[in-house]
Protein backbone atom coordinates (compact mmCIF):
# COMPACT_ATOMS: atom_id res chain seq x y z
CA MET A 1 29.77 42.87 -206.93
CA SER A 2 31.72 39.77 -206.97
CA ASP A 3 34.93 41.87 -207.06
CA THR A 4 34.19 43.26 -203.72
CA THR A 5 32.85 40.10 -202.27
CA GLU A 6 35.94 38.05 -202.89
CA PRO A 7 38.38 40.34 -201.04
CA ARG A 8 35.98 40.79 -198.24
CA GLU A 9 35.87 36.88 -197.73
CA ALA A 10 39.56 36.58 -197.93
CA ALA A 11 39.80 39.19 -195.30
CA ASP A 12 37.26 37.27 -192.99
CA GLU A 13 39.21 34.01 -193.47
CA ALA A 14 42.45 35.61 -192.44
CA ALA A 15 40.79 37.30 -189.36
CA ALA A 16 39.30 33.81 -188.37
CA ALA A 17 42.59 32.35 -188.69
CA LYS A 18 44.17 34.91 -186.24
CA LEU A 19 41.29 34.07 -183.85
CA SER A 20 41.64 30.34 -183.94
CA SER A 21 43.52 28.51 -181.43
CA ALA A 22 44.69 25.83 -183.85
CA PRO A 23 48.52 26.05 -184.69
CA SER A 24 49.22 26.92 -188.30
CA GLU A 25 51.16 24.61 -190.37
CA GLU A 26 54.00 27.00 -190.44
CA ALA A 27 54.14 27.28 -186.63
CA ALA A 28 53.52 23.71 -185.84
CA GLN A 29 56.68 21.95 -184.64
CA VAL A 30 57.28 18.80 -183.10
CA VAL A 31 58.68 19.42 -179.66
CA GLY A 32 60.34 16.46 -177.84
CA ILE A 33 60.71 16.07 -174.04
CA GLY A 34 64.36 16.10 -174.36
CA LEU A 35 67.10 13.91 -172.82
CA GLY A 36 66.19 15.01 -169.31
CA GLY A 37 62.49 14.19 -169.93
CA TRP A 38 63.35 10.66 -171.23
CA LEU A 39 65.56 10.14 -168.36
CA ARG A 40 62.93 11.06 -165.60
CA TRP A 41 60.41 8.89 -167.46
CA THR A 42 62.67 5.97 -167.56
CA TRP A 43 63.31 6.38 -163.79
CA ARG A 44 59.66 6.74 -163.04
CA GLN A 45 58.97 3.44 -164.95
CA LEU A 46 61.87 1.69 -163.24
CA THR A 47 61.05 2.69 -159.74
CA SER A 48 57.32 1.88 -160.10
CA MET A 49 55.73 -0.96 -158.22
CA ARG A 50 54.55 -2.63 -161.38
CA THR A 51 58.20 -2.83 -162.64
CA ALA A 52 59.40 -4.04 -159.18
CA LEU A 53 56.84 -6.86 -159.37
CA ILE A 54 57.78 -7.80 -162.91
CA LEU A 55 61.48 -7.90 -162.13
CA LEU A 56 60.72 -9.83 -158.85
CA PHE A 57 58.56 -12.38 -161.02
CA LEU A 58 61.52 -12.54 -163.70
CA LEU A 59 64.09 -13.31 -161.02
CA SER A 60 61.90 -16.23 -159.51
CA LEU A 61 61.81 -17.42 -163.14
CA ALA A 62 65.49 -16.98 -163.77
CA ALA A 63 66.19 -18.98 -160.72
CA VAL A 64 64.50 -22.17 -162.00
CA PRO A 65 67.30 -23.37 -164.30
CA GLY A 66 69.48 -23.20 -161.17
CA SER A 67 67.34 -26.15 -159.63
CA LEU A 68 66.91 -28.05 -162.91
CA VAL A 69 70.45 -27.95 -164.19
CA PRO A 70 73.30 -29.16 -162.17
CA GLN A 71 75.49 -26.25 -160.85
CA THR A 72 79.20 -26.28 -160.48
CA SER A 73 79.20 -24.74 -157.12
CA THR A 74 77.09 -27.32 -155.34
CA ALA A 75 77.44 -30.44 -157.54
CA ALA A 76 80.71 -30.70 -159.77
CA ALA A 77 80.33 -34.43 -160.13
CA LYS A 78 77.00 -34.02 -161.48
CA VAL A 79 78.01 -31.41 -163.87
CA ALA A 80 80.69 -33.86 -165.04
CA GLU A 81 78.11 -36.44 -165.55
CA PHE A 82 75.82 -34.09 -167.57
CA ARG A 83 78.65 -32.90 -169.71
CA MET A 84 79.36 -36.64 -170.74
CA LYS A 85 75.76 -37.38 -171.44
CA HIS A 86 74.90 -34.30 -173.39
CA THR A 87 77.68 -33.39 -175.59
CA THR A 88 75.46 -31.14 -177.79
CA LEU A 89 73.72 -29.30 -175.16
CA THR A 90 76.82 -28.60 -173.09
CA PRO A 91 78.44 -26.02 -175.46
CA ILE A 92 75.29 -24.06 -175.49
CA TYR A 93 74.79 -24.20 -171.64
CA ASP A 94 78.26 -23.00 -171.28
CA LYS A 95 77.59 -19.84 -173.36
CA LEU A 96 74.33 -19.23 -171.39
CA GLY A 97 75.98 -19.83 -167.98
CA MET A 98 73.61 -22.55 -167.22
CA PHE A 99 76.09 -24.29 -164.85
CA HIS A 100 76.64 -21.38 -162.86
CA VAL A 101 73.18 -19.51 -163.09
CA TYR A 102 73.38 -17.28 -160.12
CA SER A 103 76.68 -15.57 -161.24
CA SER A 104 75.39 -15.37 -164.98
CA PHE A 105 75.26 -12.15 -166.78
CA TRP A 106 71.44 -12.29 -167.45
CA PHE A 107 70.56 -13.07 -163.87
CA SER A 108 72.91 -10.37 -162.49
CA ALA A 109 71.23 -7.85 -164.95
CA ILE A 110 67.75 -8.65 -163.51
CA TYR A 111 69.17 -8.54 -160.04
CA ILE A 112 70.66 -5.21 -160.52
CA LEU A 113 67.60 -3.77 -161.94
CA LEU A 114 65.31 -5.02 -159.15
CA PHE A 115 67.95 -3.55 -156.74
CA ILE A 116 67.64 -0.18 -158.32
CA SER A 117 63.92 -0.37 -158.50
CA LEU A 118 63.44 -1.21 -154.87
CA ALA A 119 65.72 1.43 -153.78
CA GLY A 120 64.00 4.13 -155.87
CA CYS A 121 60.65 2.85 -154.38
CA ILE A 122 61.56 2.69 -150.73
CA VAL A 123 63.24 6.07 -150.34
CA PRO A 124 60.22 8.38 -151.50
CA ARG A 125 57.62 6.12 -149.70
CA THR A 126 59.69 6.26 -146.53
CA TRP A 127 59.92 10.18 -146.53
CA GLN A 128 56.05 10.32 -147.31
CA PHE A 129 55.22 8.11 -144.44
CA VAL A 130 57.54 10.20 -142.13
CA GLY A 131 55.60 13.16 -143.12
CA VAL A 132 52.53 11.48 -142.45
CA LEU A 133 53.45 10.47 -138.97
CA ARG A 134 54.70 14.11 -138.38
CA SER A 135 51.56 15.64 -139.39
CA GLN A 136 48.06 15.59 -137.78
CA PRO A 137 45.23 13.25 -139.00
CA PRO A 138 43.40 14.84 -141.91
CA ALA A 139 40.65 17.39 -141.06
CA ALA A 140 36.97 16.08 -141.10
CA PRO A 141 35.16 16.61 -144.37
CA LYS A 142 32.43 19.23 -144.65
CA HIS A 143 29.73 16.67 -145.62
CA LEU A 144 30.35 13.63 -143.27
CA GLU A 145 27.26 11.99 -144.41
CA ARG A 146 28.81 11.14 -147.89
CA MET A 147 31.34 8.87 -146.12
CA PRO A 148 30.80 5.00 -146.66
CA VAL A 149 29.96 4.60 -142.95
CA TYR A 150 27.94 7.36 -141.07
CA ALA A 151 26.03 7.78 -137.87
CA SER A 152 24.29 10.78 -136.14
CA TRP A 153 22.19 11.32 -133.16
CA GLN A 154 21.07 14.35 -131.06
CA SER A 155 22.03 14.68 -127.31
CA ARG A 156 21.56 17.34 -124.63
CA VAL A 157 25.38 17.07 -123.71
CA ASN A 158 26.92 20.32 -125.29
CA GLU A 159 29.49 19.93 -128.05
CA ALA A 160 32.50 20.55 -125.77
CA VAL A 161 31.56 17.58 -123.53
CA ALA A 162 30.85 15.28 -126.49
CA LEU A 163 34.21 16.08 -128.28
CA SER A 164 36.20 15.60 -125.12
CA ALA A 165 34.41 12.20 -124.68
CA ALA A 166 35.10 11.43 -128.15
CA GLN A 167 38.95 12.14 -127.78
CA GLN A 168 38.95 9.68 -124.71
CA VAL A 169 37.12 6.93 -126.35
CA LEU A 170 39.45 7.17 -129.63
CA LYS A 171 42.64 7.33 -127.68
CA ARG A 172 41.49 4.22 -125.52
CA ARG A 173 41.16 2.53 -129.05
CA ARG A 174 44.59 3.48 -129.94
CA PHE A 175 43.83 6.12 -132.49
CA ARG A 176 46.06 9.06 -133.32
CA VAL A 177 43.60 11.94 -132.30
CA ALA A 178 43.82 15.54 -132.99
CA ARG A 179 40.98 18.48 -132.16
CA ASN A 180 40.27 20.62 -135.07
CA GLY A 181 37.58 23.41 -134.28
CA GLY A 182 34.21 21.63 -133.66
CA SER A 183 35.46 18.18 -134.64
CA VAL A 184 37.75 15.41 -133.71
CA THR A 185 39.84 13.64 -136.34
CA SER A 186 41.56 10.21 -135.92
CA GLU A 187 43.36 7.62 -137.87
CA LYS A 188 44.64 4.23 -136.97
CA GLY A 189 46.34 1.38 -138.71
CA TYR A 190 49.81 2.92 -139.49
CA LEU A 191 51.33 -0.57 -138.96
CA ARG A 192 49.86 -1.43 -142.44
CA GLU A 193 52.25 0.96 -144.13
CA VAL A 194 55.05 -0.14 -141.77
CA GLY A 195 54.60 -3.59 -142.66
CA ASN A 196 54.69 -2.71 -146.35
CA LEU A 197 57.80 -0.58 -145.95
CA LEU A 198 59.35 -3.40 -143.73
CA PHE A 199 58.62 -5.94 -146.62
CA HIS A 200 60.40 -3.80 -149.23
CA ILE A 201 63.10 -2.99 -147.10
CA SER A 202 63.60 -6.68 -146.16
CA LEU A 203 63.64 -7.48 -149.84
CA PHE A 204 66.41 -4.93 -150.29
CA GLY A 205 68.28 -6.63 -147.47
CA LEU A 206 67.93 -9.85 -149.21
CA LEU A 207 69.44 -8.60 -152.29
CA LEU A 208 72.22 -6.85 -150.22
CA ALA A 209 73.05 -10.26 -148.46
CA PHE A 210 72.82 -11.81 -151.89
CA ALA A 211 75.39 -9.28 -153.12
CA ALA A 212 77.64 -9.56 -150.21
CA GLY A 213 77.72 -13.49 -150.71
CA ARG A 214 78.90 -12.99 -154.26
CA LEU A 215 81.30 -10.29 -153.62
CA LEU A 216 82.72 -11.28 -150.15
CA GLY A 217 82.24 -15.05 -150.38
CA GLY A 218 83.35 -17.98 -152.14
CA GLN A 219 83.35 -21.87 -152.21
CA GLY A 220 85.06 -24.99 -153.58
CA THR A 221 84.29 -28.63 -153.85
CA VAL A 222 86.43 -31.67 -153.11
CA ILE A 223 86.04 -35.41 -153.10
CA VAL A 224 87.63 -37.07 -150.08
CA VAL A 225 87.92 -40.77 -149.71
CA GLU A 226 87.59 -42.52 -146.37
CA GLY A 227 90.91 -42.39 -144.51
CA SER A 228 91.99 -39.38 -146.45
CA ALA A 229 92.45 -35.82 -145.17
CA PHE A 230 91.83 -32.42 -146.74
CA SER A 231 93.45 -29.02 -146.00
CA ASN A 232 91.83 -25.69 -147.07
CA ASN A 233 94.15 -24.96 -149.75
CA VAL A 234 93.36 -24.04 -153.18
CA THR A 235 95.56 -26.83 -154.68
CA GLN A 236 93.62 -29.39 -152.93
CA TYR A 237 90.15 -28.43 -154.21
CA ASP A 238 88.63 -30.15 -157.18
CA ASP A 239 86.85 -26.92 -158.24
CA PHE A 240 87.35 -23.51 -156.56
CA MET A 241 84.94 -20.47 -157.12
CA PRO A 242 86.56 -17.25 -155.91
CA SER A 243 84.81 -13.91 -155.97
CA THR A 244 85.81 -10.19 -156.32
CA PHE A 245 87.01 -9.90 -152.67
CA TYR A 246 87.44 -13.65 -151.68
CA THR A 247 90.61 -15.22 -153.35
CA ALA A 248 93.02 -17.98 -152.64
CA ASP A 249 94.60 -15.97 -149.84
CA SER A 250 91.46 -15.47 -148.04
CA LEU A 251 91.10 -19.06 -147.10
CA ASP A 252 90.56 -19.88 -143.35
CA PRO A 253 93.33 -22.16 -142.09
CA PHE A 254 91.69 -25.57 -141.15
CA GLY A 255 91.45 -29.10 -142.53
CA PHE A 256 89.69 -32.31 -141.67
CA LYS A 257 90.04 -36.18 -142.12
CA LEU A 258 87.18 -38.41 -143.29
CA ASP A 259 87.40 -41.06 -140.67
CA SER A 260 84.31 -43.03 -142.00
CA PHE A 261 81.03 -42.55 -143.96
CA SER A 262 77.74 -44.32 -143.03
CA ALA A 263 74.70 -44.47 -144.95
CA SER A 264 71.41 -46.26 -144.43
CA TYR A 265 68.71 -47.38 -146.87
CA GLN A 266 65.15 -48.58 -146.72
CA THR A 267 65.20 -52.37 -147.27
CA SER A 268 61.51 -53.01 -147.85
CA GLY A 269 58.25 -51.67 -149.24
CA GLN A 270 57.80 -49.73 -152.29
CA GLN A 271 60.68 -47.27 -151.64
CA VAL A 272 63.26 -49.76 -151.15
CA GLY A 273 66.72 -48.50 -151.81
CA THR A 274 65.69 -45.04 -150.70
CA ALA A 275 68.36 -43.13 -148.77
CA ARG A 276 67.53 -42.57 -145.14
CA GLU A 277 70.64 -41.31 -143.51
CA PHE A 278 74.07 -39.94 -144.67
CA LYS A 279 76.68 -39.06 -142.18
CA ALA A 280 80.28 -38.16 -142.68
CA HIS A 281 82.38 -38.65 -139.42
CA VAL A 282 85.45 -36.26 -139.36
CA SER A 283 88.42 -35.24 -137.42
CA TYR A 284 89.08 -31.54 -137.95
CA TRP A 285 91.40 -29.02 -136.76
CA THR A 286 91.84 -25.21 -137.12
CA GLY A 287 95.11 -23.43 -137.74
CA SER A 288 98.38 -25.19 -138.84
CA ASP A 289 98.47 -27.53 -135.90
CA SER A 290 96.84 -30.72 -137.11
CA THR A 291 97.46 -32.75 -134.00
CA LYS A 292 94.86 -30.95 -131.98
CA THR A 293 91.75 -32.34 -133.54
CA ARG A 294 88.10 -32.48 -132.73
CA SER A 295 85.58 -35.03 -133.88
CA GLY A 296 82.50 -33.63 -135.80
CA THR A 297 79.63 -35.19 -137.95
CA ILE A 298 78.36 -33.76 -141.29
CA GLU A 299 75.01 -34.59 -142.45
CA VAL A 300 72.76 -33.33 -145.40
CA ASN A 301 71.46 -29.92 -144.60
CA HIS A 302 73.54 -30.04 -141.37
CA PRO A 303 76.94 -28.41 -142.11
CA LEU A 304 79.88 -28.33 -139.96
CA GLU A 305 81.09 -24.80 -139.21
CA ILE A 306 84.94 -24.65 -139.00
CA GLY A 307 86.34 -20.99 -138.52
CA GLY A 308 84.36 -18.69 -140.88
CA SER A 309 83.43 -21.49 -143.27
CA ASN A 310 80.82 -24.16 -143.56
CA VAL A 311 81.34 -27.51 -144.68
CA TYR A 312 78.38 -29.11 -146.52
CA LEU A 313 77.96 -32.82 -147.53
CA THR A 314 76.68 -32.87 -151.28
CA ALA A 315 77.34 -36.33 -152.69
CA HIS A 316 78.85 -39.59 -151.96
CA GLY A 317 79.94 -42.80 -153.68
CA TYR A 318 82.36 -45.82 -153.73
CA ALA A 319 86.00 -46.11 -154.50
CA PRO A 320 87.50 -49.54 -155.28
CA VAL A 321 90.94 -50.07 -153.99
CA ILE A 322 93.14 -51.38 -156.68
CA ARG A 323 96.79 -52.71 -156.29
CA VAL A 324 98.94 -53.13 -159.50
CA THR A 325 102.24 -54.60 -159.75
CA ASP A 326 104.66 -54.78 -162.72
CA ALA A 327 106.59 -57.71 -164.29
CA LYS A 328 109.29 -57.45 -161.63
CA GLY A 329 106.83 -57.49 -158.75
CA ASN A 330 107.01 -53.87 -157.90
CA VAL A 331 103.86 -51.98 -156.63
CA VAL A 332 103.32 -49.29 -159.16
CA PHE A 333 99.61 -48.34 -158.07
CA ASP A 334 97.90 -48.92 -154.74
CA GLY A 335 94.80 -46.83 -153.83
CA PRO A 336 91.21 -45.93 -154.21
CA THR A 337 89.74 -44.58 -157.14
CA PRO A 338 86.47 -42.59 -156.80
CA CYS A 339 83.66 -43.94 -159.18
CA LEU A 340 80.77 -41.62 -160.51
CA PRO A 341 77.29 -43.01 -159.75
CA GLN A 342 75.02 -43.66 -162.68
CA ASP A 343 71.71 -44.51 -160.93
CA ALA A 344 69.76 -44.45 -157.88
CA ASN A 345 71.34 -47.82 -156.91
CA LEU A 346 74.90 -46.35 -157.24
CA SER A 347 76.08 -48.42 -160.25
CA SER A 348 79.21 -46.44 -160.98
CA ILE A 349 81.93 -45.91 -163.51
CA CYS A 350 85.46 -44.84 -163.38
CA ALA A 351 88.86 -44.92 -164.93
CA ILE A 352 92.04 -46.31 -163.18
CA LYS A 353 94.97 -44.86 -164.63
CA VAL A 354 98.60 -46.09 -164.01
CA SER A 355 100.86 -43.39 -165.69
CA ASP A 356 104.29 -44.04 -164.25
CA GLY A 357 106.40 -47.18 -162.88
CA TYR A 358 104.97 -49.89 -164.87
CA VAL A 359 107.60 -52.22 -166.69
CA ASN A 360 106.43 -55.08 -168.75
CA SER A 361 107.86 -58.50 -169.30
CA GLN A 362 109.75 -57.30 -172.08
CA GLY A 363 111.51 -54.49 -169.72
CA THR A 364 109.73 -51.67 -171.59
CA SER A 365 107.86 -48.88 -169.64
CA GLU A 366 104.33 -48.40 -170.56
CA GLN A 367 101.19 -47.06 -169.22
CA LEU A 368 98.19 -49.01 -167.97
CA GLY A 369 94.50 -47.92 -168.18
CA PHE A 370 91.34 -49.80 -166.69
CA SER A 371 87.82 -48.89 -167.58
CA ALA A 372 85.75 -50.05 -164.52
CA LEU A 373 82.02 -50.56 -163.50
CA LEU A 374 81.44 -50.86 -160.06
CA THR A 375 78.13 -52.46 -158.60
CA PRO A 376 77.75 -52.25 -155.03
CA THR A 377 75.07 -55.05 -155.11
CA LYS A 378 75.42 -57.00 -158.12
CA ALA A 379 72.42 -58.08 -160.02
CA PRO A 380 71.95 -61.90 -160.78
CA THR A 381 73.82 -63.17 -163.79
CA SER A 382 70.48 -63.99 -165.45
CA GLU A 383 69.69 -60.27 -165.74
CA PHE A 384 73.00 -59.34 -167.66
CA GLY A 385 71.66 -60.36 -171.02
CA ARG A 386 68.82 -57.93 -170.54
CA ILE A 387 70.45 -54.89 -169.34
CA GLY A 388 74.07 -55.71 -168.62
CA PRO A 389 75.80 -55.56 -165.30
CA HIS A 390 74.15 -53.37 -162.72
CA SER A 391 73.48 -52.75 -159.12
CA ILE A 392 70.12 -53.78 -157.41
CA PHE A 393 70.82 -51.97 -154.12
CA PRO A 394 72.87 -48.85 -153.19
CA GLN A 395 74.60 -50.47 -150.16
CA ALA A 396 77.69 -52.61 -150.64
CA LEU A 397 76.17 -56.00 -149.88
CA ASP A 398 77.76 -58.09 -152.66
CA PRO A 399 80.22 -55.71 -154.60
CA ALA A 400 81.60 -56.55 -158.02
CA LEU A 401 84.00 -54.75 -160.10
CA TYR A 402 84.05 -55.17 -163.87
CA LEU A 403 87.29 -54.29 -165.63
CA THR A 404 88.55 -53.80 -169.09
CA ALA A 405 92.46 -53.40 -169.30
CA TYR A 406 94.22 -51.37 -171.72
CA HIS A 407 98.07 -50.66 -172.28
CA GLY A 408 100.01 -47.99 -174.42
CA ASP A 409 99.77 -44.21 -173.94
CA LEU A 410 97.17 -42.51 -171.77
CA GLY A 411 97.49 -39.11 -173.61
CA ASN A 412 98.33 -37.24 -170.33
CA ASN A 413 101.08 -35.19 -172.10
CA SER A 414 98.84 -34.35 -175.13
CA GLY A 415 97.76 -30.99 -173.30
CA ALA A 416 94.12 -31.82 -174.05
CA PRO A 417 91.68 -31.90 -171.01
CA GLN A 418 90.56 -35.34 -169.86
CA SER A 419 87.69 -36.76 -167.71
CA VAL A 420 88.80 -38.41 -164.63
CA TYR A 421 86.00 -40.86 -164.97
CA GLN A 422 86.79 -42.16 -168.31
CA LEU A 423 89.68 -43.33 -170.49
CA ASN A 424 90.84 -41.75 -173.64
CA THR A 425 91.77 -44.99 -175.72
CA LYS A 426 93.03 -43.26 -178.85
CA HIS A 427 96.50 -44.42 -178.34
CA LEU A 428 95.69 -47.52 -176.07
CA LYS A 429 95.37 -51.08 -177.02
CA GLN A 430 93.15 -53.45 -175.18
CA TYR A 431 94.47 -56.53 -173.82
CA THR A 432 93.03 -59.75 -175.35
CA GLU A 433 92.82 -63.29 -174.20
CA THR A 434 92.05 -66.75 -175.70
CA GLY A 435 88.73 -68.36 -175.22
CA LYS A 436 86.26 -70.89 -176.93
CA ASP A 437 83.47 -70.05 -179.14
CA LYS A 438 80.09 -71.87 -179.41
CA ASN A 439 81.65 -74.43 -181.73
CA GLY A 440 84.62 -75.22 -179.38
CA LYS A 441 87.28 -73.38 -181.48
CA THR A 442 89.95 -71.17 -179.99
CA VAL A 443 89.49 -67.44 -180.42
CA THR A 444 90.95 -64.32 -179.21
CA VAL A 445 88.63 -62.10 -177.34
CA PRO A 446 89.19 -58.65 -175.41
CA MET A 447 89.98 -59.02 -171.81
CA ALA A 448 86.93 -58.37 -169.61
CA LEU A 449 87.01 -59.50 -166.00
CA GLN A 450 84.43 -59.56 -162.92
CA LEU A 451 86.15 -59.32 -159.63
CA ALA A 452 85.10 -59.53 -156.02
CA PRO A 453 86.99 -57.98 -153.25
CA GLY A 454 90.20 -59.93 -152.76
CA GLN A 455 90.18 -61.16 -156.27
CA GLY A 456 92.82 -60.40 -158.97
CA PHE A 457 94.14 -61.49 -162.34
CA ASP A 458 97.46 -61.73 -164.07
CA LEU A 459 98.28 -59.08 -166.97
CA PRO A 460 99.36 -60.62 -170.26
CA SER A 461 102.32 -58.39 -170.36
CA GLY A 462 103.50 -59.38 -166.90
CA GLY A 463 102.28 -58.21 -163.37
CA THR A 464 99.15 -58.37 -161.38
CA VAL A 465 95.88 -56.41 -160.65
CA VAL A 466 94.18 -57.08 -157.40
CA PHE A 467 90.73 -55.71 -156.22
CA THR A 468 91.82 -55.42 -152.44
CA GLY A 469 88.85 -53.79 -151.02
CA LEU A 470 86.07 -50.99 -151.14
CA LYS A 471 85.84 -47.62 -149.63
CA GLN A 472 83.49 -44.73 -149.77
CA TRP A 473 83.97 -41.11 -150.63
CA ALA A 474 82.15 -37.92 -150.00
CA ASN A 475 81.86 -34.80 -151.94
CA PHE A 476 82.05 -31.82 -149.71
CA THR A 477 81.46 -28.05 -150.53
CA VAL A 478 83.30 -25.58 -148.35
CA ALA A 479 81.55 -22.36 -148.59
CA HIS A 480 82.34 -19.01 -147.02
CA ASN A 481 78.90 -16.85 -147.08
CA PRO A 482 79.20 -13.71 -144.84
CA GLY A 483 75.66 -12.71 -145.83
CA THR A 484 73.79 -15.77 -144.72
CA GLY A 485 72.80 -14.47 -141.37
CA TRP A 486 71.73 -11.11 -142.66
CA ALA A 487 69.75 -13.01 -145.25
CA LEU A 488 67.81 -14.92 -142.68
CA SER A 489 66.94 -11.99 -140.50
CA SER A 490 65.69 -10.01 -143.88
CA ALA A 491 63.57 -13.15 -144.73
CA VAL A 492 62.05 -13.24 -141.29
CA LEU A 493 61.43 -9.42 -141.29
CA ALA A 494 59.97 -9.73 -144.61
CA VAL A 495 57.26 -12.41 -143.45
CA LEU A 496 56.45 -10.16 -140.56
CA GLY A 497 56.05 -7.10 -142.63
CA LEU A 498 53.95 -9.00 -145.05
CA ILE A 499 51.73 -10.10 -142.25
CA GLY A 500 51.25 -6.58 -141.15
CA SER A 501 50.55 -5.32 -144.59
CA LEU A 502 47.94 -7.80 -145.26
CA PHE A 503 46.02 -7.97 -141.94
CA VAL A 504 46.23 -4.43 -140.47
CA GLN A 505 43.57 -2.18 -141.94
CA ARG A 506 44.25 1.64 -142.06
CA ARG A 507 41.18 3.59 -141.33
CA ARG A 508 39.95 7.10 -140.24
CA ILE A 509 37.12 8.21 -137.96
CA TRP A 510 35.72 11.63 -137.45
CA VAL A 511 33.37 12.89 -134.87
CA ARG A 512 31.78 16.27 -135.34
CA ALA A 513 29.38 18.08 -132.52
CA VAL A 514 27.41 21.27 -133.31
CA THR A 515 24.91 22.64 -130.50
CA GLY A 516 21.82 24.09 -132.12
CA PRO A 517 19.64 27.09 -130.96
CA ASP A 518 17.41 24.73 -129.23
CA GLY A 519 20.08 23.50 -127.01
CA LEU A 520 20.29 20.10 -128.64
CA THR A 521 23.77 18.79 -129.86
CA THR A 522 23.78 17.04 -133.11
CA VAL A 523 26.74 14.37 -133.03
CA GLU A 524 27.98 12.92 -136.30
CA VAL A 525 30.35 10.10 -136.63
CA ALA A 526 31.80 8.96 -140.00
CA GLY A 527 34.42 6.42 -140.93
CA LEU A 528 36.64 5.62 -143.86
CA ALA A 529 38.91 2.55 -144.61
CA ARG A 530 41.83 3.10 -146.70
CA SER A 531 41.33 -0.31 -148.21
CA GLU A 532 38.32 -2.60 -148.62
CA SER A 533 37.21 -3.67 -145.10
CA ALA A 534 33.84 -4.65 -143.68
CA ARG A 535 35.06 -4.10 -140.09
CA ILE A 536 35.03 -0.45 -140.34
CA ALA A 537 31.13 -0.38 -140.00
CA GLU A 538 31.30 -2.66 -136.79
CA GLU A 539 33.97 -0.45 -135.35
CA LEU A 540 32.20 2.70 -135.89
CA ALA A 541 29.05 1.35 -134.36
CA ASP A 542 31.12 0.30 -131.32
CA VAL A 543 32.77 3.79 -131.13
CA ALA A 544 29.22 5.47 -131.43
CA LEU A 545 27.75 3.42 -128.48
CA GLU A 546 30.79 3.90 -126.50
CA LEU A 547 30.80 7.62 -127.11
CA GLN A 548 27.18 7.95 -125.98
CA ARG A 549 28.07 6.20 -122.74
CA ALA A 550 31.09 8.36 -122.14
CA ALA A 551 29.40 11.56 -122.94
CA ARG A 552 26.81 10.81 -120.26
CA ALA A 553 29.49 9.99 -117.81
CA GLU A 554 31.23 13.29 -118.34
CA LYS A 555 30.59 16.40 -116.11
CA VAL A 556 27.75 18.46 -117.58
CA PRO A 557 26.68 21.93 -116.71
CA LYS A 558 24.38 22.62 -113.65
CA GLN A 559 21.32 23.07 -115.91
CA GLN A 560 21.80 19.49 -117.26
CA THR A 561 21.35 16.30 -115.07
CA ALA A 562 22.83 12.90 -115.68
CA ALA A 563 19.28 11.67 -115.61
CA ASP A 564 18.59 13.69 -118.89
CA PRO A 565 18.03 11.24 -121.79
CA ASP A 566 21.12 11.23 -123.96
CA PRO A 567 20.06 10.19 -127.58
CA VAL A 568 17.17 12.16 -128.71
CA SER A 569 17.25 10.89 -132.22
CA THR A 570 19.61 8.62 -134.14
CA ALA A 571 20.41 8.20 -137.85
CA SER A 572 22.84 5.83 -139.47
CA LYS A 573 24.07 5.13 -143.02
CA GLU A 574 26.36 2.29 -144.12
C-alpha cells in the first residue's frame, strides 16, 4: 500500500507545481531595468517638481556665503583685508571658491541641474496645457449629485430652453462653454495654470539671464584717488574678471576722472558716525577723445552708465599725500597712497614704498618704506594707552598720520607677491632715534612719529618726509552685464505668474436638464474646484439663481406662459 501511495503523492506534487503561478527556483532570474530604464528613471526624478524645489532651495542656500564672505568681484579691498586677518581660513576658502561664490564649481553644478530640471518640467506641462485649451471642457459626470457642490430643481421650461439659458449665463461669467447632448459643460480659471507656467518660465528666464551675464559679461575693480583719471583698459584695473566671451579686447572705450568725493555722516544721536551720503563727482568721456567730457555723479546703488557698462561705487577711504626728498634735496616720491579702512571710523593702514631714486647722505642708493596708520579724526591722547591710536569719527576733522620708517630692501625683486597695504620688513632696518627714559638716561628707540597735515621730519640718513595733505579715494566696479534687463523682466513676470497661480481658482460647472413624462424639467447644477476653495459653493448658488431668472426670460412654447411658476421644487447639496 505504501509503495503505491508514495509515487502517487510525488505525481500530485509535480502536477501542483505545474499549476502554481510561483516561479521555480531554476526559472527565477533577476531581471533589471537596463541602462535605458535607469536613464528614464533619472530623467523623471530630475524633472519632477519636488527635485526642482529642492534644487531651488539649495541654490538659495548656496548664495548665502556670497553675502557673508567678501567677494572679489564687488569688494576686492575687503577680500585683501580678510586675507590678512584670516591666514588659516584663506587657503581653505580659496580651494572652495568662497571669494567668487557665483562662479564656483559647486554653485555652477546646482545652477545647471536646476536649469535642466525646469526645462524638463516646463515643456511637457506646456504641451499638456495647450491640449487642454484646444479641447472642450470635460463632459458632465453621470451622477452629478456626487459632486462636492450640487443643486437641483424642477421647472416647466423645457430642457432646450434651460440649456440655452445655461450657456448664456455661463458665457457671461467668462466660462468656456460646450454643449454635450442634454448637458452643458463649462470650465474657468485657466489663468491659474497660465500663471504657474509663467512663473516657471520666468525662473527659467532668470537662469538664462544669469548665464548670459556670466558668459557674455565681465567686470573689474579699480581704486581712483581724487584728481586722478581712469581709462577702461585692462592694465589700469586692480582686478579684472573676464568671462568666456568677454575678454580684454571687449572693453568699451571710455574713461573718467574723479574730480571730488563727498561724504556726510550723522553727528549726533545713537547712530553718530553712520554714513548718510556718498557721492563721487566725475568727468567722463566715451571713445578715444578725452577732451569732450561730461559731468556725472555716482552714488551707492545709483551707477553711472557709460557705453555698454555700468560704473558702481563700492567703497571709499583716505589717501595721505607724502613728499620724500633724498639727502641731495631731490624729490623722489610725491603723491597719495590709498589706505585700507580697519573700522567704521575709517582708522586705516597703508604702506608707503619708495623703491627708486633715494640717495642717502653717504651717496648710497637704498629703498625706503613707511608703515602708516591714518586716523581721520584722531582720538584724545589719553585714550592711546588703552587701545592705541585710532579714529573717533569717519570724517577728516582732525587727521593724524602715525609713521614708522624703514630703509634697506623692500623685496620688490624677489618674485614673491606682496600686499600693497603692508611692508615686508625681512630685509629692512627700522630707523632709530635717541631719547630719554624714565630715569633720564639717553637711550635709542625706534623712530615713530605723529604728523598732522603740513608737518614733516628729517630722516637720519638724510632727506625729509612731509605729510603735505589728505585726499579721498573711491573704489569703482566697472561691470558689463548684458542680462540685467532680461533678469528684471523675468523677475516681474515671475511675481505676476505667482499672483495668478495663488489667487485664481480653476473650477468646473455642469448643467443638465431632462424633461420627464409629466412635462416637468429637472435641472441639475454641479460644481467642482480643482483646488480647495469655499467660493465654488457661492458661485454655484449665484449661477443657479441667475439660471432660473434667465430660463423664465427665454421664449417658451405657446402652451407655456411666462406666468407659470418656474421652480417647482429645489434640492441642494454642499
